[in-house]
Amino acid sequence: MNVIKLAIGSGILLLSCGAYSQSISEKTNSDKKGAAEFSPLSVSVGKTTSEQEALEKTGATSSRTTDKNLQSLDATVRSMPGTYTQIDPGQGAISVNIRGMSGFGRVNTMVDGITQSFYGTSTSGTTTHGSTNNMAGVLIDPNLLVAVDVTRGDSSGSEGINALAGSANMRTIGVDDVIFNGNTYGLRSRFSVGSNGLGRSGMIALGGKSDAFTDTGSIGVMAAVSGSSVYSNFSNGSGINSKEFGYDKYMKQNPKSQLYKMDIRPDEFNSFELSARTYENKFTRRDITSDDYYIKYHYTPFSELI
């Protein structure tokens, strides 16, 4: 009798388990019918261009890249509203004019965020009735520049120092400008030749980058050399070359520049940038040498407070 009761109880238990599992299976199938499946979502982040960064700033701010077009530095800066520039043949320097004002104390002209205070006094002896000499400018090779940022009017921070009319920041080639994403090595070159004061110029830059420190860390180095041969000769409206009415052999320029940079990123929040730049030129019976060095630290956490 006990055996019969045990058999009946076991059968009831097995039937109930089967019914329970069937109900779970039916519920799961019903859930699947009401569910919506989405395709994979890919999120990518691209580098913000200088033009986009200028739109985020308040005030009259303009930015132009010089590495993506074939225009000269003069043409690039003059394309900005209220901005003009002059590469003075009597000084070998670059002067930026904002709203009719230029020079030290009026326009804060910087290279990689560092204010330049070069001051020259000599002028060309072939000019009469006044000279175009500005007596203030920046000793920089245009071949080493990748972008120019101009702020018209008042600005905060270091840009507003000695900036009655505004400020201009010229940015030089960096490691990321030579090496593109996903590559270990990179090469970049630029050459130009022309008449009527353009002359010949060329630049070549080499760089290498490797992962280091952490999963998001890296270390990169870059070296660039540039040279030019520029004559101050020009042709007037009648087509007469300046050699015939005013020529000075000492006005010929052969500037040479070297630029070295190291970019150290321990992680995605911290970065160090080391830079060394030299500029050498000899003209108007003067030897000019300019050396610039700097160390920068950037901290960019995922926080809206910083």
C-alpha atoms as a PDB file:
ATOM      1  CA  MET A   1       0.000   0.000   0.000  1.00  0.00           C
ATOM      2  CA  ASN A   2       2.818   2.346   0.859  1.00  0.00           C
ATOM      3  CA  VAL A   3       4.458   1.534  -2.442  1.00  0.00           C
ATOM      4  CA  ILE A   4       1.302   2.521  -4.312  1.00  0.00           C
ATOM      5  CA  LYS A   5       1.029   5.834  -2.425  1.00  0.00           C
ATOM      6  CA  LEU A   6       4.667   6.598  -3.135  1.00  0.00           C
ATOM      7  CA  ALA A   7       4.205   5.913  -6.828  1.00  0.00           C
ATOM      8  CA  ILE A   8       1.110   8.103  -7.041  1.00  0.00           C
ATOM      9  CA  GLY A   9       2.873  10.968  -5.204  1.00  0.00           C
ATOM     10  CA  SER A  10       5.897  10.773  -7.481  1.00  0.00           C
ATOM     11  CA  GLY A  11       3.689  10.905 -10.551  1.00  0.00           C
ATOM     12  CA  ILE A  12       1.844  13.984  -9.304  1.00  0.00           C
ATOM     13  CA  LEU A  13       5.165  15.698  -8.545  1.00  0.00           C
ATOM     14  CA  LEU A  14       6.529  14.969 -12.004  1.00  0.00           C
ATOM     15  CA  LEU A  15       3.373  16.269 -13.694  1.00  0.00           C
ATOM     16  CA  SER A  16       3.436  19.479 -11.658  1.00  0.00           C
ATOM     17  CA  CYS A  17       7.106  20.091 -12.494  1.00  0.00           C
ATOM     18  CA  GLY A  18       6.403  19.561 -16.173  1.00  0.00           C
ATOM     19  CA  ALA A  19       3.470  21.983 -16.088  1.00  0.00           C
ATOM     20  CA  TYR A  20       5.588  24.574 -14.230  1.00  0.00           C
ATOM     21  CA  SER A  21       8.430  24.346 -16.731  1.00  0.00           C
ATOM     22  CA  GLN A  22       5.957  24.629 -19.584  1.00  0.00           C
ATOM     23  CA  SER A  23       4.459  27.783 -18.070  1.00  0.00           C
ATOM     24  CA  ILE A  24       7.947  29.329 -17.686  1.00  0.00           C
ATOM     25  CA  SER A  25       8.765  28.485 -21.310  1.00  0.00           C
ATOM     26  CA  GLU A  26       5.512  30.016 -22.543  1.00  0.00           C
ATOM     27  CA  LYS A  27       6.135  33.165 -20.470  1.00  0.00           C
ATOM     28  CA  THR A  28       9.657  33.495 -21.862  1.00  0.00           C
ATOM     29  CA  ASN A  29       8.402  33.161 -25.424  1.00  0.00           C
ATOM     30  CA  SER A  30       5.731  35.785 -24.797  1.00  0.00           C
ATOM     31  CA  ASP A  31       8.376  38.162 -23.388  1.00  0.00           C
ATOM     32  CA  LYS A  32      10.497  37.711 -26.487  1.00  0.00           C
ATOM     33  CA  LYS A  33       7.556  38.519 -28.743  1.00  0.00           C
ATOM     34  CA  GLY A  34       7.012  41.840 -26.955  1.00  0.00           C
ATOM     35  CA  ALA A  35      10.703  42.812 -26.799  1.00  0.00           C
ATOM     36  CA  ALA A  36      12.426  45.166 -29.271  1.00  0.00           C
ATOM     37  CA  GLU A  37      15.951  44.402 -30.425  1.00  0.00           C
ATOM     38  CA  PHE A  38      18.236  47.308 -31.366  1.00  0.00           C
ATOM     39  CA  SER A  39      21.183  47.193 -33.725  1.00  0.00           C
ATOM     40  CA  PRO A  40      24.651  47.903 -32.241  1.00  0.00           C
ATOM     41  CA  LEU A  41      25.315  51.597 -31.537  1.00  0.00           C
ATOM     42  CA  SER A  42      28.815  52.851 -32.379  1.00  0.00           C
ATOM     43  CA  VAL A  43      30.082  56.075 -30.777  1.00  0.00           C
ATOM     44  CA  SER A  44      33.181  57.802 -32.139  1.00  0.00           C
ATOM     45  CA  VAL A  45      34.903  61.033 -31.140  1.00  0.00           C
ATOM     46  CA  GLY A  46      36.824  63.184 -33.602  1.00  0.00           C
ATOM     47  CA  LYS A  47      39.369  65.929 -33.011  1.00  0.00           C
ATOM     48  CA  THR A  48      37.835  69.384 -32.692  1.00  0.00           C
ATOM     49  CA  THR A  49      39.120  71.767 -35.343  1.00  0.00           C
ATOM     50  CA  SER A  50      40.362  75.255 -34.559  1.00  0.00           C
ATOM     51  CA  GLU A  51      37.389  76.757 -36.423  1.00  0.00           C
ATOM     52  CA  GLN A  52      34.978  74.828 -34.181  1.00  0.00           C
ATOM     53  CA  GLU A  53      36.845  75.921 -31.052  1.00  0.00           C
ATOM     54  CA  ALA A  54      36.585  79.550 -32.167  1.00  0.00           C
ATOM     55  CA  LEU A  55      32.784  79.245 -32.377  1.00  0.00           C
ATOM     56  CA  GLU A  56      32.669  78.167 -28.726  1.00  0.00           C
ATOM     57  CA  LYS A  57      34.505  81.286 -27.525  1.00  0.00           C
ATOM     58  CA  THR A  58      32.768  84.524 -26.668  1.00  0.00           C
ATOM     59  CA  GLY A  59      33.735  87.746 -28.389  1.00  0.00           C
ATOM     60  CA  ALA A  60      35.131  88.477 -31.845  1.00  0.00           C
ATOM     61  CA  THR A  61      37.317  85.406 -32.357  1.00  0.00           C
ATOM     62  CA  SER A  62      38.502  83.927 -35.660  1.00  0.00           C
ATOM     63  CA  SER A  63      40.688  80.944 -36.480  1.00  0.00           C
ATOM     64  CA  ARG A  64      42.303  79.764 -39.693  1.00  0.00           C
ATOM     65  CA  THR A  65      44.341  76.665 -40.466  1.00  0.00           C
ATOM     66  CA  THR A  66      47.387  77.173 -42.661  1.00  0.00           C
ATOM     67  CA  ASP A  67      48.183  73.485 -43.194  1.00  0.00           C
ATOM     68  CA  LYS A  68      45.108  72.592 -45.276  1.00  0.00           C
ATOM     69  CA  ASN A  69      45.389  75.202 -48.006  1.00  0.00           C
ATOM     70  CA  LEU A  70      48.036  76.572 -50.319  1.00  0.00           C
ATOM     71  CA  GLN A  71      47.650  80.191 -49.219  1.00  0.00           C
ATOM     72  CA  SER A  72      50.482  82.150 -47.671  1.00  0.00           C
ATOM     73  CA  LEU A  73      50.409  83.377 -44.091  1.00  0.00           C
ATOM     74  CA  ASP A  74      49.575  86.883 -45.329  1.00  0.00           C
ATOM     75  CA  ALA A  75      46.547  85.654 -47.272  1.00  0.00           C
ATOM     76  CA  THR A  76      45.390  83.461 -44.386  1.00  0.00           C
ATOM     77  CA  VAL A  77      45.440  86.230 -41.775  1.00  0.00           C
ATOM     78  CA  ARG A  78      43.949  88.814 -44.124  1.00  0.00           C
ATOM     79  CA  SER A  79      40.948  86.532 -44.695  1.00  0.00           C
ATOM     80  CA  MET A  80      39.808  87.241 -41.114  1.00  0.00           C
ATOM     81  CA  PRO A  81      37.526  90.235 -40.469  1.00  0.00           C
ATOM     82  CA  GLY A  82      39.330  93.369 -39.287  1.00  0.00           C
ATOM     83  CA  THR A  83      42.753  91.703 -39.490  1.00  0.00           C
ATOM     84  CA  TYR A  84      45.773  92.512 -41.618  1.00  0.00           C
ATOM     85  CA  THR A  85      49.384  91.404 -41.628  1.00  0.00           C
ATOM     86  CA  GLN A  86      52.746  92.378 -43.014  1.00  0.00           C
ATOM     87  CA  ILE A  87      55.963  90.448 -43.432  1.00  0.00           C
ATOM     88  CA  ASP A  88      58.437  93.296 -43.193  1.00  0.00           C
ATOM     89  CA  PRO A  89      61.414  92.859 -45.554  1.00  0.00           C
ATOM     90  CA  GLY A  90      63.386  95.303 -43.422  1.00  0.00           C
ATOM     91  CA  GLN A  91      62.990  93.287 -40.229  1.00  0.00           C
ATOM     92  CA  GLY A  92      62.430  89.670 -41.267  1.00  0.00           C
ATOM     93  CA  ALA A  93      59.516  89.555 -38.842  1.00  0.00           C
ATOM     94  CA  ILE A  94      55.758  89.089 -39.033  1.00  0.00           C
ATOM     95  CA  SER A  95      53.464  91.828 -37.736  1.00  0.00           C
ATOM     96  CA  VAL A  96      49.703  91.419 -37.212  1.00  0.00           C
ATOM     97  CA  ASN A  97      47.411  94.438 -37.510  1.00  0.00           C
ATOM     98  CA  ILE A  98      43.984  94.351 -35.828  1.00  0.00           C
ATOM     99  CA  ARG A  99      41.497  97.132 -36.513  1.00  0.00           C
ATOM    100  CA  GLY A 100      44.230  99.516 -37.643  1.00  0.00           C
ATOM    101  CA  MET A 101      46.589  98.941 -34.715  1.00  0.00           C
ATOM    102  CA  SER A 102      49.738  96.821 -34.490  1.00  0.00           C
ATOM    103  CA  GLY A 103      52.897  96.501 -32.477  1.00  0.00           C
ATOM    104  CA  PHE A 104      53.848  95.752 -28.900  1.00  0.00           C
ATOM    105  CA  GLY A 105      51.262  96.999 -26.420  1.00  0.00           C
ATOM    106  CA  ARG A 106      48.521  97.094 -29.042  1.00  0.00           C
ATOM    107  CA  VAL A 107      48.382  93.556 -30.442  1.00  0.00           C
ATOM    108  CA  ASN A 108      49.593  90.704 -28.256  1.00  0.00           C
ATOM    109  CA  THR A 109      51.278  88.471 -30.828  1.00  0.00           C
ATOM    110  CA  MET A 110      52.099  84.993 -29.523  1.00  0.00           C
ATOM    111  CA  VAL A 111      53.651  81.754 -30.720  1.00  0.00           C
ATOM    112  CA  ASP A 112      52.159  78.691 -29.017  1.00  0.00           C
ATOM    113  CA  GLY A 113      50.698  80.976 -26.369  1.00  0.00           C
ATOM    114  CA  ILE A 114      54.012  82.721 -25.557  1.00  0.00           C
ATOM    115  CA  THR A 115      54.146  86.488 -26.103  1.00  0.00           C
ATOM    116  CA  GLN A 116      56.842  87.633 -28.530  1.00  0.00           C
ATOM    117  CA  SER A 117      58.564  90.967 -27.861  1.00  0.00           C
ATOM    118  CA  PHE A 118      61.061  91.332 -30.717  1.00  0.00           C
ATOM    119  CA  TYR A 119      61.806  94.974 -31.462  1.00  0.00           C
ATOM    120  CA  GLY A 120      63.788  96.230 -34.442  1.00  0.00           C
ATOM    121  CA  THR A 121      64.817  99.726 -35.485  1.00  0.00           C
ATOM    122  CA  SER A 122      66.555  99.530 -38.855  1.00  0.00           C
ATOM    123  CA  THR A 123      64.769 100.257 -42.109  1.00  0.00           C
ATOM    124  CA  SER A 124      65.493  99.734 -45.745  1.00  0.00           C
ATOM    125  CA  GLY A 125      67.819 102.391 -47.146  1.00  0.00           C
ATOM    126  CA  THR A 126      66.163 102.225 -50.553  1.00  0.00           C
ATOM    127  CA  THR A 127      62.798 103.613 -49.407  1.00  0.00           C
ATOM    128  CA  THR A 128      61.886 107.275 -49.549  1.00  0.00           C
ATOM    129  CA  HIS A 129      59.027 109.395 -48.195  1.00  0.00           C
ATOM    130  CA  GLY A 130      58.520 107.076 -45.243  1.00  0.00           C
ATOM    131  CA  SER A 131      59.025 103.384 -44.727  1.00  0.00           C
ATOM    132  CA  THR A 132      56.732 100.435 -44.136  1.00  0.00           C
ATOM    133  CA  ASN A 133      58.875  99.354 -41.205  1.00  0.00           C
ATOM    134  CA  ASN A 134      56.785  98.437 -38.152  1.00  0.00           C
ATOM    135  CA  MET A 135      59.630  98.028 -35.612  1.00  0.00           C
ATOM    136  CA  ALA A 136      57.781  95.174 -33.873  1.00  0.00           C
ATOM    137  CA  GLY A 137      56.999  91.658 -34.960  1.00  0.00           C
ATOM    138  CA  VAL A 138      57.471  87.932 -34.506  1.00  0.00           C
ATOM    139  CA  LEU A 139      60.492  85.951 -35.685  1.00  0.00           C
ATOM    140  CA  ILE A 140      58.841  82.764 -36.921  1.00  0.00           C
ATOM    141  CA  ASP A 141      59.093  80.676 -40.067  1.00  0.00           C
ATOM    142  CA  PRO A 142      55.616  80.516 -41.685  1.00  0.00           C
ATOM    143  CA  ASN A 143      56.350  76.957 -42.838  1.00  0.00           C
ATOM    144  CA  LEU A 144      56.234  75.775 -39.221  1.00  0.00           C
ATOM    145  CA  LEU A 145      52.730  77.126 -38.577  1.00  0.00           C
ATOM    146  CA  VAL A 146      49.513  75.101 -38.711  1.00  0.00           C
ATOM    147  CA  ALA A 147      46.938  77.620 -37.456  1.00  0.00           C
ATOM    148  CA  VAL A 148      46.428  81.239 -36.441  1.00  0.00           C
ATOM    149  CA  ASP A 149      43.869  82.322 -33.815  1.00  0.00           C
ATOM    150  CA  VAL A 150      42.894  86.001 -33.672  1.00  0.00           C
ATOM    151  CA  THR A 151      40.816  87.681 -30.950  1.00  0.00           C
ATOM    152  CA  ARG A 152      39.649  91.235 -31.599  1.00  0.00           C
ATOM    153  CA  GLY A 153      39.069  93.447 -28.579  1.00  0.00           C
ATOM    154  CA  ASP A 154      39.368  92.577 -24.910  1.00  0.00           C
ATOM    155  CA  SER A 155      40.057  89.009 -23.803  1.00  0.00           C
ATOM    156  CA  SER A 156      40.722  87.279 -20.504  1.00  0.00           C
ATOM    157  CA  GLY A 157      43.789  85.361 -19.400  1.00  0.00           C
ATOM    158  CA  SER A 158      47.239  85.671 -20.908  1.00  0.00           C
ATOM    159  CA  GLU A 159      45.793  86.745 -24.259  1.00  0.00           C
ATOM    160  CA  GLY A 160      44.661  90.065 -22.799  1.00  0.00           C
ATOM    161  CA  ILE A 161      48.155  91.200 -21.735  1.00  0.00           C
ATOM    162  CA  ASN A 162      49.405  94.186 -23.781  1.00  0.00           C
ATOM    163  CA  ALA A 163      46.407  93.770 -26.059  1.00  0.00           C
ATOM    164  CA  LEU A 164      44.720  97.107 -26.639  1.00  0.00           C
ATOM    165  CA  ALA A 165      43.328  96.043 -30.027  1.00  0.00           C
ATOM    166  CA  GLY A 166      43.394  92.256 -29.646  1.00  0.00           C
ATOM    167  CA  SER A 167      45.672  89.236 -29.769  1.00  0.00           C
ATOM    168  CA  ALA A 168      47.004  86.766 -32.325  1.00  0.00           C
ATOM    169  CA  ASN A 169      48.312  83.309 -31.471  1.00  0.00           C
ATOM    170  CA  MET A 170      50.335  81.387 -34.058  1.00  0.00           C
ATOM    171  CA  ARG A 171      50.436  77.647 -33.450  1.00  0.00           C
ATOM    172  CA  THR A 172      53.365  75.557 -34.644  1.00  0.00           C
ATOM    173  CA  ILE A 173      53.417  71.956 -35.820  1.00  0.00           C
ATOM    174  CA  GLY A 174      52.841  69.350 -33.127  1.00  0.00           C
ATOM    175  CA  VAL A 175      53.228  65.594 -32.858  1.00  0.00           C
ATOM    176  CA  ASP A 176      49.576  64.959 -33.760  1.00  0.00           C
ATOM    177  CA  ASP A 177      49.935  67.160 -36.866  1.00  0.00           C
ATOM    178  CA  VAL A 178      52.610  64.841 -38.250  1.00  0.00           C
ATOM    179  CA  ILE A 179      51.311  61.463 -37.034  1.00  0.00           C
ATOM    180  CA  PHE A 180      47.683  60.596 -37.727  1.00  0.00           C
ATOM    181  CA  ASN A 181      45.546  58.276 -35.596  1.00  0.00           C
ATOM    182  CA  GLY A 182      46.516  54.621 -35.752  1.00  0.00           C
ATOM    183  CA  ASN A 183      50.008  55.243 -37.134  1.00  0.00           C
ATOM    184  CA  THR A 184      53.362  54.896 -35.418  1.00  0.00           C
ATOM    185  CA  TYR A 185      55.447  57.115 -37.697  1.00  0.00           C
ATOM    186  CA  GLY A 186      54.704  60.131 -39.848  1.00  0.00           C
ATOM    187  CA  LEU A 187      56.299  62.518 -42.333  1.00  0.00           C
ATOM    188  CA  ARG A 188      55.138  65.937 -43.409  1.00  0.00           C
ATOM    189  CA  SER A 189      56.632  68.320 -45.945  1.00  0.00           C
ATOM    190  CA  ARG A 190      55.881  71.660 -47.513  1.00  0.00           C
ATOM    191  CA  PHE A 191      57.580  73.400 -50.429  1.00  0.00           C
ATOM    192  CA  SER A 192      56.889  76.594 -52.350  1.00  0.00           C
ATOM    193  CA  VAL A 193      58.546  78.631 -55.073  1.00  0.00           C
ATOM    194  CA  GLY A 194      57.554  81.865 -56.750  1.00  0.00           C
ATOM    195  CA  SER A 195      58.591  85.279 -57.968  1.00  0.00           C
ATOM    196  CA  ASN A 196      57.947  88.881 -56.883  1.00  0.00           C
ATOM    197  CA  GLY A 197      59.268  88.466 -53.350  1.00  0.00           C
ATOM    198  CA  LEU A 198      58.101  84.902 -52.660  1.00  0.00           C
ATOM    199  CA  GLY A 199      61.402  83.117 -53.302  1.00  0.00           C
ATOM    200  CA  ARG A 200      61.992  79.472 -52.414  1.00  0.00           C
ATOM    201  CA  SER A 201      61.157  77.732 -49.167  1.00  0.00           C
ATOM    202  CA  GLY A 202      60.806  74.198 -47.860  1.00  0.00           C
ATOM    203  CA  MET A 203      60.040  72.312 -44.667  1.00  0.00           C
ATOM    204  CA  ILE A 204      60.158  68.670 -43.637  1.00  0.00           C
ATOM    205  CA  ALA A 205      59.006  67.135 -40.350  1.00  0.00           C
ATOM    206  CA  LEU A 206      59.417  63.595 -38.982  1.00  0.00           C
ATOM    207  CA  GLY A 207      57.683  62.100 -35.963  1.00  0.00           C
ATOM    208  CA  GLY A 208      57.139  58.895 -34.019  1.00  0.00           C
ATOM    209  CA  LYS A 209      54.560  57.867 -31.425  1.00  0.00           C
ATOM    210  CA  SER A 210      54.112  54.794 -29.223  1.00  0.00           C
ATOM    211  CA  ASP A 211      51.799  53.586 -26.448  1.00  0.00           C
ATOM    212  CA  ALA A 212      53.274  53.939 -22.958  1.00  0.00           C
ATOM    213  CA  PHE A 213      52.550  54.125 -19.229  1.00  0.00           C
ATOM    214  CA  THR A 214      48.858  53.042 -19.264  1.00  0.00           C
ATOM    215  CA  ASP A 215      46.222  51.755 -21.678  1.00  0.00           C
ATOM    216  CA  THR A 216      45.416  55.333 -22.689  1.00  0.00           C
ATOM    217  CA  GLY A 217      48.946  56.761 -22.363  1.00  0.00           C
ATOM    218  CA  SER A 218      51.456  57.538 -25.099  1.00  0.00           C
ATOM    219  CA  ILE A 219      54.738  59.255 -25.841  1.00  0.00           C
ATOM    220  CA  GLY A 220      55.611  60.993 -29.099  1.00  0.00           C
ATOM    221  CA  VAL A 221      58.455  63.055 -30.554  1.00  0.00           C
ATOM    222  CA  MET A 222      58.724  65.300 -33.582  1.00  0.00           C
ATOM    223  CA  ALA A 223      61.526  67.191 -35.348  1.00  0.00           C
ATOM    224  CA  ALA A 224      61.173  69.719 -38.164  1.00  0.00           C
ATOM    225  CA  VAL A 225      63.646  71.778 -40.196  1.00  0.00           C
ATOM    226  CA  SER A 226      62.830  74.651 -42.525  1.00  0.00           C
ATOM    227  CA  GLY A 227      64.737  77.027 -44.761  1.00  0.00           C
ATOM    228  CA  SER A 228      63.997  79.821 -47.217  1.00  0.00           C
ATOM    229  CA  SER A 229      65.704  82.049 -49.735  1.00  0.00           C
ATOM    230  CA  VAL A 230      63.874  85.348 -50.108  1.00  0.00           C
ATOM    231  CA  TYR A 231      64.831  88.413 -52.128  1.00  0.00           C
ATOM    232  CA  SER A 232      63.361  91.827 -51.460  1.00  0.00           C
ATOM    233  CA  ASN A 233      63.251  92.628 -55.167  1.00  0.00           C
ATOM    234  CA  PHE A 234      59.908  93.468 -56.693  1.00  0.00           C
ATOM    235  CA  SER A 235      58.400  94.811 -59.893  1.00  0.00           C
ATOM    236  CA  ASN A 236      56.480  98.076 -59.853  1.00  0.00           C
ATOM    237  CA  GLY A 237      53.349  98.892 -61.806  1.00  0.00           C
ATOM    238  CA  SER A 238      55.373  99.612 -64.932  1.00  0.00           C
ATOM    239  CA  GLY A 239      57.040  96.215 -64.764  1.00  0.00           C
ATOM    240  CA  ILE A 240      60.445  97.641 -63.816  1.00  0.00           C
ATOM    241  CA  ASN A 241      62.411  95.503 -61.396  1.00  0.00           C
ATOM    242  CA  SER A 242      63.640  97.142 -58.205  1.00  0.00           C
ATOM    243  CA  LYS A 243      67.205  96.147 -59.133  1.00  0.00           C
ATOM    244  CA  GLU A 244      67.242  99.050 -61.572  1.00  0.00           C
ATOM    245  CA  PHE A 245      66.269 101.801 -59.125  1.00  0.00           C
ATOM    246  CA  GLY A 246      66.986 100.507 -55.644  1.00  0.00           C
ATOM    247  CA  TYR A 247      68.882  97.320 -54.923  1.00  0.00           C
ATOM    248  CA  ASP A 248      70.687  96.266 -51.781  1.00  0.00           C
ATOM    249  CA  LYS A 249      72.340  92.857 -51.761  1.00  0.00           C
ATOM    250  CA  TYR A 250      72.185  92.770 -47.981  1.00  0.00           C
ATOM    251  CA  MET A 251      68.388  92.653 -48.123  1.00  0.00           C
ATOM    252  CA  LYS A 252      68.504  89.034 -49.250  1.00  0.00           C
ATOM    253  CA  GLN A 253      67.294  86.657 -46.537  1.00  0.00           C
ATOM    254  CA  ASN A 254      68.090  83.010 -45.874  1.00  0.00           C
ATOM    255  CA  PRO A 255      66.250  82.192 -42.630  1.00  0.00           C
ATOM    256  CA  LYS A 256      66.717  78.737 -41.135  1.00  0.00           C
ATOM    257  CA  SER A 257      64.581  77.211 -38.393  1.00  0.00           C
ATOM    258  CA  GLN A 258      64.476  74.043 -36.329  1.00  0.00           C
ATOM    259  CA  LEU A 259      61.617  72.809 -34.164  1.00  0.00           C
ATOM    260  CA  TYR A 260      61.624  69.908 -31.703  1.00  0.00           C
ATOM    261  CA  LYS A 261      58.666  68.698 -29.643  1.00  0.00           C
ATOM    262  CA  MET A 262      57.915  65.877 -27.218  1.00  0.00           C
ATOM    263  CA  ASP A 263      54.397  64.950 -26.146  1.00  0.00           C
ATOM    264  CA  ILE A 264      54.059  62.813 -22.990  1.00  0.00           C
ATOM    265  CA  ARG A 265      50.603  61.515 -21.982  1.00  0.00           C
ATOM    266  CA  PRO A 266      50.639  59.353 -18.825  1.00  0.00           C
ATOM    267  CA  ASP A 267      46.873  58.836 -19.155  1.00  0.00           C
ATOM    268  CA  GLU A 268      43.814  60.389 -20.780  1.00  0.00           C
ATOM    269  CA  PHE A 269      43.619  63.189 -18.190  1.00  0.00           C
ATOM    270  CA  ASN A 270      47.225  64.458 -18.049  1.00  0.00           C
ATOM    271  CA  SER A 271      49.697  65.537 -20.726  1.00  0.00           C
ATOM    272  CA  PHE A 272      53.085  67.263 -20.901  1.00  0.00           C
ATOM    273  CA  GLU A 273      54.467  69.101 -23.928  1.00  0.00           C
ATOM    274  CA  LEU A 274      58.128  70.090 -24.295  1.00  0.00           C
ATOM    275  CA  SER A 275      59.225  72.330 -27.159  1.00  0.00           C
ATOM    276  CA  ALA A 276      62.441  73.913 -28.446  1.00  0.00           C
ATOM    277  CA  ARG A 277      62.610  76.225 -31.466  1.00  0.00           C
ATOM    278  CA  THR A 278      65.525  78.072 -33.055  1.00  0.00           C
ATOM    279  CA  TYR A 279      65.493  80.774 -35.725  1.00  0.00           C
ATOM    280  CA  GLU A 280      68.577  82.100 -37.510  1.00  0.00           C
ATOM    281  CA  ASN A 281      68.754  84.776 -40.152  1.00  0.00           C
ATOM    282  CA  LYS A 282      71.359  87.109 -41.595  1.00  0.00           C
ATOM    283  CA  PHE A 283      70.420  90.215 -43.526  1.00  0.00           C
ATOM    284  CA  THR A 284      70.915  93.982 -43.529  1.00  0.00           C
ATOM    285  CA  ARG A 285      74.401  93.245 -42.091  1.00  0.00           C
ATOM    286  CA  ARG A 286      72.891  91.797 -38.923  1.00  0.00           C
ATOM    287  CA  ASP A 287      72.958  88.303 -37.479  1.00  0.00           C
ATOM    288  CA  ILE A 288      69.667  87.441 -35.797  1.00  0.00           C
ATOM    289  CA  THR A 289      69.128  84.432 -33.546  1.00  0.00           C
ATOM    290  CA  SER A 290      65.948  83.654 -31.641  1.00  0.00           C
ATOM    291  CA  ASP A 291      65.545  80.662 -29.302  1.00  0.00           C
ATOM    292  CA  ASP A 292      62.245  79.667 -27.693  1.00  0.00           C
ATOM    293  CA  TYR A 293      61.742  76.930 -25.087  1.00  0.00           C
ATOM    294  CA  TYR A 294      58.676  75.962 -23.085  1.00  0.00           C
ATOM    295  CA  ILE A 295      57.092  73.209 -20.998  1.00  0.00           C
ATOM    296  CA  LYS A 296      53.307  72.909 -20.842  1.00  0.00           C
ATOM    297  CA  TYR A 297      51.054  70.794 -18.633  1.00  0.00           C
ATOM    298  CA  HIS A 298      47.416  70.058 -19.462  1.00  0.00           C
ATOM    299  CA  TYR A 299      44.851  68.560 -17.080  1.00  0.00           C
ATOM    300  CA  THR A 300      41.511  67.646 -18.690  1.00  0.00           C
ATOM    301  CA  PRO A 301      39.328  65.561 -16.343  1.00  0.00           C
ATOM    302  CA  PHE A 302      35.770  64.406 -17.031  1.00  0.00           C
ATOM    303  CA  SER A 303      34.308  67.250 -14.999  1.00  0.00           C
ATOM    304  CA  GLU A 304      32.312  70.345 -15.881  1.00  0.00           C
ATOM    305  CA  LEU A 305      33.915  72.229 -12.994  1.00  0.00           C
ATOM    306  CA  ILE A 306      37.411  72.215 -14.534  1.00  0.00           C
END
